[in-house]
Amino acid sequence: MFAKLRMSIDEAYNEFFTIIEEVYKPAVFSPQGRTQKLRECMELLLQRKGLATDLKLEAEPHAELCAR
């Protein structure tokens, strides 16, 4: 969040707090519901920052790290 989204520590803290409140505190969400809510939170964050909602956070995946 700091580098790619150019957020301050306070901004990142507030976003994480919002995500916790919106995604993890409600006990009514199924795993799929939490995934959808997290996606919505991240899309709104990207929109507020004026970025594309399909922004890639990493240039290319590190497949060699996944094989371990």
C-alpha atoms as a PDB file:
ATOM      1  CA  MET A   1       0.000   0.000   0.000  1.00  0.00           C
ATOM      2  CA  PHE A   2       2.840   2.379   0.709  1.00  0.00           C
ATOM      3  CA  ALA A   3       4.750   2.122  -2.566  1.00  0.00           C
ATOM      4  CA  LYS A   4       2.267   1.031  -5.205  1.00  0.00           C
ATOM      5  CA  LEU A   5      -0.676   3.057  -3.926  1.00  0.00           C
ATOM      6  CA  ARG A   6       1.468   5.921  -2.576  1.00  0.00           C
ATOM      7  CA  MET A   7      -0.261   5.904   0.798  1.00  0.00           C
ATOM      8  CA  SER A   8       0.993   7.362   4.038  1.00  0.00           C
ATOM      9  CA  ILE A   9       1.162   5.215   7.150  1.00  0.00           C
ATOM     10  CA  ASP A  10      -2.005   6.878   8.448  1.00  0.00           C
ATOM     11  CA  GLU A  11      -3.853   6.269   5.183  1.00  0.00           C
ATOM     12  CA  ALA A  12      -2.821   2.596   5.110  1.00  0.00           C
ATOM     13  CA  TYR A  13      -3.801   2.168   8.775  1.00  0.00           C
ATOM     14  CA  ASN A  14      -7.241   3.656   8.091  1.00  0.00           C
ATOM     15  CA  GLU A  15      -7.746   1.408   5.062  1.00  0.00           C
ATOM     16  CA  PHE A  16      -6.745  -1.699   7.011  1.00  0.00           C
ATOM     17  CA  PHE A  17      -9.108  -0.692   9.811  1.00  0.00           C
ATOM     18  CA  THR A  18     -11.944  -0.250   7.307  1.00  0.00           C
ATOM     19  CA  ILE A  19     -11.221  -3.659   5.755  1.00  0.00           C
ATOM     20  CA  ILE A  20     -11.256  -5.322   9.174  1.00  0.00           C
ATOM     21  CA  GLU A  21     -14.575  -3.668  10.026  1.00  0.00           C
ATOM     22  CA  GLU A  22     -16.185  -4.419   6.662  1.00  0.00           C
ATOM     23  CA  VAL A  23     -14.793  -7.892   5.917  1.00  0.00           C
ATOM     24  CA  TYR A  24     -13.741  -9.673   9.089  1.00  0.00           C
ATOM     25  CA  LYS A  25     -15.951  -8.421  11.916  1.00  0.00           C
ATOM     26  CA  PRO A  26     -19.357  -9.397  10.509  1.00  0.00           C
ATOM     27  CA  ALA A  27     -19.896 -13.030  11.469  1.00  0.00           C
ATOM     28  CA  VAL A  28     -22.544 -13.548   8.802  1.00  0.00           C
ATOM     29  CA  PHE A  29     -20.212 -13.797   5.801  1.00  0.00           C
ATOM     30  CA  SER A  30     -19.294 -17.111   4.248  1.00  0.00           C
ATOM     31  CA  PRO A  31     -15.721 -17.462   2.928  1.00  0.00           C
ATOM     32  CA  GLN A  32     -17.030 -16.535  -0.521  1.00  0.00           C
ATOM     33  CA  GLY A  33     -18.893 -13.560   0.939  1.00  0.00           C
ATOM     34  CA  ARG A  34     -15.725 -12.326   2.669  1.00  0.00           C
ATOM     35  CA  THR A  35     -13.790 -12.685  -0.579  1.00  0.00           C
ATOM     36  CA  GLN A  36     -16.404 -10.648  -2.427  1.00  0.00           C
ATOM     37  CA  LYS A  37     -16.502  -7.969   0.287  1.00  0.00           C
ATOM     38  CA  LEU A  38     -12.682  -7.740   0.302  1.00  0.00           C
ATOM     39  CA  ARG A  39     -12.698  -7.372  -3.482  1.00  0.00           C
ATOM     40  CA  GLU A  40     -15.249  -4.558  -3.180  1.00  0.00           C
ATOM     41  CA  CYS A  41     -13.172  -2.792  -0.509  1.00  0.00           C
ATOM     42  CA  MET A  42     -10.030  -3.014  -2.625  1.00  0.00           C
ATOM     43  CA  GLU A  43     -11.819  -1.800  -5.761  1.00  0.00           C
ATOM     44  CA  LEU A  44     -13.200   1.194  -3.866  1.00  0.00           C
ATOM     45  CA  LEU A  45      -9.730   1.963  -2.499  1.00  0.00           C
ATOM     46  CA  LEU A  46      -8.229   1.853  -5.991  1.00  0.00           C
ATOM     47  CA  GLN A  47     -11.013   4.076  -7.336  1.00  0.00           C
ATOM     48  CA  ARG A  48     -10.481   6.615  -4.542  1.00  0.00           C
ATOM     49  CA  LYS A  49      -6.786   6.706  -5.434  1.00  0.00           C
ATOM     50  CA  GLY A  50      -7.667   7.221  -9.122  1.00  0.00           C
ATOM     51  CA  LEU A  51      -6.225   3.853 -10.161  1.00  0.00           C
ATOM     52  CA  ALA A  52      -7.583   1.077 -12.357  1.00  0.00           C
ATOM     53  CA  THR A  53      -9.440  -1.626 -10.451  1.00  0.00           C
ATOM     54  CA  ASP A  54      -7.424  -4.291 -12.291  1.00  0.00           C
ATOM     55  CA  LEU A  55      -4.070  -2.788 -11.238  1.00  0.00           C
ATOM     56  CA  LYS A  56      -1.360  -5.435 -10.915  1.00  0.00           C
ATOM     57  CA  LEU A  57       0.534  -5.094  -7.658  1.00  0.00           C
ATOM     58  CA  GLU A  58       3.509  -6.987  -9.008  1.00  0.00           C
ATOM     59  CA  ALA A  59       5.063  -6.777 -12.481  1.00  0.00           C
ATOM     60  CA  GLU A  60       5.282 -10.532 -12.942  1.00  0.00           C
ATOM     61  CA  PRO A  61       4.689 -13.468 -10.591  1.00  0.00           C
ATOM     62  CA  HIS A  62       7.614 -15.192  -8.980  1.00  0.00           C
ATOM     63  CA  ALA A  63       6.792 -18.762  -9.948  1.00  0.00           C
ATOM     64  CA  GLU A  64      10.057 -20.061  -8.533  1.00  0.00           C
ATOM     65  CA  LEU A  65       8.998 -18.903  -5.070  1.00  0.00           C
ATOM     66  CA  CYS A  66       5.693 -20.733  -5.321  1.00  0.00           C
ATOM     67  CA  ALA A  67       7.363 -24.059  -6.075  1.00  0.00           C
ATOM     68  CA  ARG A  68       9.032 -24.253  -2.683  1.00  0.00           C
END
